[in-house]
Amino acid sequence: MFEQLKELITNYVEADPDSITMDSRFIEDLSFNSYDFMSLLGELEDTLGVQMDEQEVVKLSTVGDAVKYLESIKK
């Protein structure tokens, strides 16, 4: 899941995949704006075939948070 998420992140922001860690923050470290973040989430829903809860999505601040959340709803 982490590797797949890193690959998708690089479609939205200019970041070296090797520099993205579980602790990377979407806004502060990866320079996501709200539009890019929501677009990434939409692509994740389509790619993984999941439906994300908006109340949970707003709590995702790091790549690790997103990986944990996605793994929990993908089951």
N, C-alpha and C. Protein backbone atom coordinates (compact mmCIF):
# COMPACT_ATOMS: atom_id res chain seq x y z
N MET A 1 0.82 -1.19 0.00
CA MET A 1 0.00 0.00 0.00
C MET A 1 0.87 1.26 0.00
N PHE A 2 1.94 1.25 0.81
CA PHE A 2 2.82 2.41 0.92
C PHE A 2 3.45 2.74 -0.43
N GLU A 3 3.98 1.72 -1.12
CA GLU A 3 4.62 1.96 -2.42
C GLU A 3 3.63 2.47 -3.45
N GLN A 4 2.42 1.94 -3.43
CA GLN A 4 1.38 2.37 -4.36
C GLN A 4 1.00 3.82 -4.09
N LEU A 5 0.89 4.17 -2.83
CA LEU A 5 0.55 5.54 -2.45
C LEU A 5 1.66 6.50 -2.85
N LYS A 6 2.92 6.11 -2.63
CA LYS A 6 4.04 6.97 -3.04
C LYS A 6 4.00 7.25 -4.53
N GLU A 7 3.71 6.23 -5.32
CA GLU A 7 3.65 6.39 -6.78
C GLU A 7 2.55 7.38 -7.16
N LEU A 8 1.39 7.27 -6.53
CA LEU A 8 0.29 8.20 -6.82
C LEU A 8 0.62 9.62 -6.37
N ILE A 9 1.29 9.76 -5.25
CA ILE A 9 1.65 11.08 -4.75
C ILE A 9 2.49 11.83 -5.78
N THR A 10 3.41 11.13 -6.42
CA THR A 10 4.29 11.80 -7.39
C THR A 10 3.55 12.25 -8.64
N ASN A 11 2.31 11.80 -8.83
CA ASN A 11 1.49 12.30 -9.93
C ASN A 11 0.93 13.69 -9.63
N TYR A 12 0.92 14.07 -8.37
CA TYR A 12 0.29 15.33 -7.96
C TYR A 12 1.28 16.40 -7.51
N VAL A 13 2.39 16.00 -6.95
CA VAL A 13 3.40 16.97 -6.50
C VAL A 13 4.77 16.51 -6.96
N GLU A 14 5.67 17.46 -7.06
CA GLU A 14 7.03 17.12 -7.46
C GLU A 14 7.80 16.69 -6.23
N ALA A 15 7.84 15.40 -6.03
CA ALA A 15 8.56 14.84 -4.89
C ALA A 15 9.28 13.59 -5.35
N ASP A 16 10.49 13.43 -4.87
CA ASP A 16 11.26 12.23 -5.16
C ASP A 16 10.64 11.08 -4.36
N PRO A 17 10.21 10.01 -5.04
CA PRO A 17 9.58 8.90 -4.30
C PRO A 17 10.44 8.38 -3.15
N ASP A 18 11.76 8.42 -3.33
CA ASP A 18 12.65 7.93 -2.27
C ASP A 18 12.65 8.82 -1.04
N SER A 19 12.20 10.08 -1.20
CA SER A 19 12.18 11.00 -0.06
C SER A 19 10.86 10.92 0.71
N ILE A 20 9.87 10.23 0.17
CA ILE A 20 8.57 10.12 0.84
C ILE A 20 8.64 9.00 1.87
N THR A 21 8.31 9.36 3.11
CA THR A 21 8.32 8.37 4.20
C THR A 21 6.92 8.30 4.82
N MET A 22 6.74 7.38 5.72
CA MET A 22 5.46 7.27 6.42
C MET A 22 5.18 8.53 7.25
N ASP A 23 6.23 9.25 7.64
CA ASP A 23 6.08 10.46 8.44
C ASP A 23 5.92 11.72 7.61
N SER A 24 6.03 11.61 6.28
CA SER A 24 5.89 12.79 5.42
C SER A 24 4.48 13.36 5.56
N ARG A 25 4.41 14.66 5.80
CA ARG A 25 3.13 15.35 5.94
C ARG A 25 2.70 15.86 4.57
N PHE A 26 1.45 15.65 4.23
CA PHE A 26 0.96 16.03 2.89
C PHE A 26 1.16 17.50 2.60
N ILE A 27 0.76 18.37 3.51
CA ILE A 27 0.81 19.80 3.24
C ILE A 27 2.20 20.38 3.53
N GLU A 28 2.71 20.15 4.72
CA GLU A 28 3.97 20.76 5.13
C GLU A 28 5.19 20.22 4.39
N ASP A 29 5.25 18.90 4.19
CA ASP A 29 6.45 18.30 3.59
C ASP A 29 6.34 18.08 2.09
N LEU A 30 5.15 17.71 1.63
CA LEU A 30 4.99 17.35 0.22
C LEU A 30 4.34 18.47 -0.61
N SER A 31 3.98 19.56 0.03
CA SER A 31 3.43 20.75 -0.64
C SER A 31 2.11 20.50 -1.36
N PHE A 32 1.29 19.63 -0.80
CA PHE A 32 -0.04 19.43 -1.36
C PHE A 32 -0.90 20.65 -1.07
N ASN A 33 -1.75 21.04 -2.02
CA ASN A 33 -2.80 22.00 -1.71
C ASN A 33 -4.09 21.19 -1.57
N SER A 34 -5.16 21.82 -1.15
CA SER A 34 -6.38 21.06 -0.87
C SER A 34 -6.95 20.40 -2.12
N TYR A 35 -6.83 21.06 -3.26
CA TYR A 35 -7.34 20.48 -4.51
C TYR A 35 -6.56 19.22 -4.88
N ASP A 36 -5.22 19.30 -4.80
CA ASP A 36 -4.39 18.13 -5.12
C ASP A 36 -4.69 16.98 -4.17
N PHE A 37 -4.86 17.30 -2.89
CA PHE A 37 -5.13 16.26 -1.90
C PHE A 37 -6.45 15.56 -2.18
N MET A 38 -7.49 16.34 -2.47
CA MET A 38 -8.79 15.74 -2.76
C MET A 38 -8.74 14.94 -4.07
N SER A 39 -7.98 15.41 -5.04
CA SER A 39 -7.82 14.66 -6.29
C SER A 39 -7.12 13.34 -6.05
N LEU A 40 -6.09 13.36 -5.21
CA LEU A 40 -5.38 12.13 -4.85
C LEU A 40 -6.34 11.15 -4.18
N LEU A 41 -7.15 11.65 -3.26
CA LEU A 41 -8.09 10.77 -2.56
C LEU A 41 -9.10 10.17 -3.53
N GLY A 42 -9.57 10.96 -4.48
CA GLY A 42 -10.49 10.45 -5.49
C GLY A 42 -9.85 9.35 -6.33
N GLU A 43 -8.60 9.56 -6.70
CA GLU A 43 -7.90 8.54 -7.48
C GLU A 43 -7.69 7.27 -6.65
N LEU A 44 -7.39 7.43 -5.38
CA LEU A 44 -7.24 6.27 -4.50
C LEU A 44 -8.54 5.48 -4.41
N GLU A 45 -9.65 6.19 -4.29
CA GLU A 45 -10.95 5.50 -4.25
C GLU A 45 -11.17 4.70 -5.52
N ASP A 46 -10.89 5.31 -6.66
CA ASP A 46 -11.08 4.62 -7.94
C ASP A 46 -10.12 3.44 -8.09
N THR A 47 -8.86 3.67 -7.77
CA THR A 47 -7.83 2.65 -7.95
C THR A 47 -8.04 1.45 -7.03
N LEU A 48 -8.39 1.74 -5.78
CA LEU A 48 -8.51 0.67 -4.78
C LEU A 48 -9.93 0.14 -4.64
N GLY A 49 -10.88 0.82 -5.25
CA GLY A 49 -12.27 0.38 -5.15
C GLY A 49 -12.83 0.52 -3.75
N VAL A 50 -12.48 1.63 -3.08
CA VAL A 50 -12.96 1.87 -1.72
C VAL A 50 -13.74 3.18 -1.69
N GLN A 51 -14.50 3.36 -0.63
CA GLN A 51 -15.22 4.61 -0.40
C GLN A 51 -14.70 5.18 0.92
N MET A 52 -14.15 6.40 0.86
CA MET A 52 -13.58 7.00 2.06
C MET A 52 -14.63 7.87 2.77
N ASP A 53 -14.56 7.86 4.08
CA ASP A 53 -15.44 8.66 4.92
C ASP A 53 -14.82 10.06 5.05
N GLU A 54 -15.58 11.10 4.68
CA GLU A 54 -15.06 12.47 4.70
C GLU A 54 -14.59 12.88 6.09
N GLN A 55 -15.27 12.43 7.13
CA GLN A 55 -14.87 12.79 8.49
C GLN A 55 -13.53 12.16 8.86
N GLU A 56 -13.21 11.01 8.28
CA GLU A 56 -11.93 10.37 8.54
C GLU A 56 -10.82 10.98 7.69
N VAL A 57 -11.15 11.33 6.46
CA VAL A 57 -10.17 11.87 5.51
C VAL A 57 -9.54 13.16 6.04
N VAL A 58 -10.33 14.00 6.69
CA VAL A 58 -9.78 15.27 7.18
C VAL A 58 -8.76 15.07 8.29
N LYS A 59 -8.71 13.90 8.87
CA LYS A 59 -7.75 13.59 9.93
C LYS A 59 -6.40 13.11 9.38
N LEU A 60 -6.33 12.86 8.09
CA LEU A 60 -5.11 12.31 7.50
C LEU A 60 -4.11 13.43 7.26
N SER A 61 -3.04 13.44 8.03
CA SER A 61 -2.04 14.49 7.83
C SER A 61 -0.72 13.94 7.31
N THR A 62 -0.46 12.65 7.55
CA THR A 62 0.79 12.06 7.06
C THR A 62 0.50 10.90 6.11
N VAL A 63 1.52 10.53 5.38
CA VAL A 63 1.40 9.38 4.48
C VAL A 63 1.08 8.14 5.30
N GLY A 64 1.68 8.01 6.46
CA GLY A 64 1.41 6.86 7.33
C GLY A 64 -0.04 6.81 7.77
N ASP A 65 -0.61 7.99 8.09
CA ASP A 65 -2.03 8.04 8.46
C ASP A 65 -2.88 7.50 7.31
N ALA A 66 -2.55 7.90 6.09
CA ALA A 66 -3.32 7.48 4.92
C ALA A 66 -3.18 5.98 4.69
N VAL A 67 -1.97 5.46 4.83
CA VAL A 67 -1.73 4.02 4.64
C VAL A 67 -2.55 3.22 5.65
N LYS A 68 -2.50 3.62 6.91
CA LYS A 68 -3.25 2.90 7.96
C LYS A 68 -4.75 2.95 7.68
N TYR A 69 -5.24 4.13 7.31
CA TYR A 69 -6.67 4.27 7.03
C TYR A 69 -7.08 3.42 5.84
N LEU A 70 -6.31 3.49 4.77
CA LEU A 70 -6.64 2.71 3.57
C LEU A 70 -6.61 1.22 3.84
N GLU A 71 -5.64 0.77 4.61
CA GLU A 71 -5.57 -0.65 4.95
C GLU A 71 -6.77 -1.07 5.80
N SER A 72 -7.26 -0.17 6.64
CA SER A 72 -8.39 -0.51 7.50
C SER A 72 -9.70 -0.62 6.71
N ILE A 73 -9.85 0.16 5.65
CA ILE A 73 -11.11 0.10 4.90
C ILE A 73 -11.05 -0.84 3.71
N LYS A 74 -9.87 -1.29 3.36
CA LYS A 74 -9.71 -2.17 2.20
C LYS A 74 -10.08 -3.62 2.54
N LYS A 75 -10.14 -3.95 3.81
CA LYS A 75 -10.39 -5.33 4.25
C LYS A 75 -11.74 -5.83 3.80
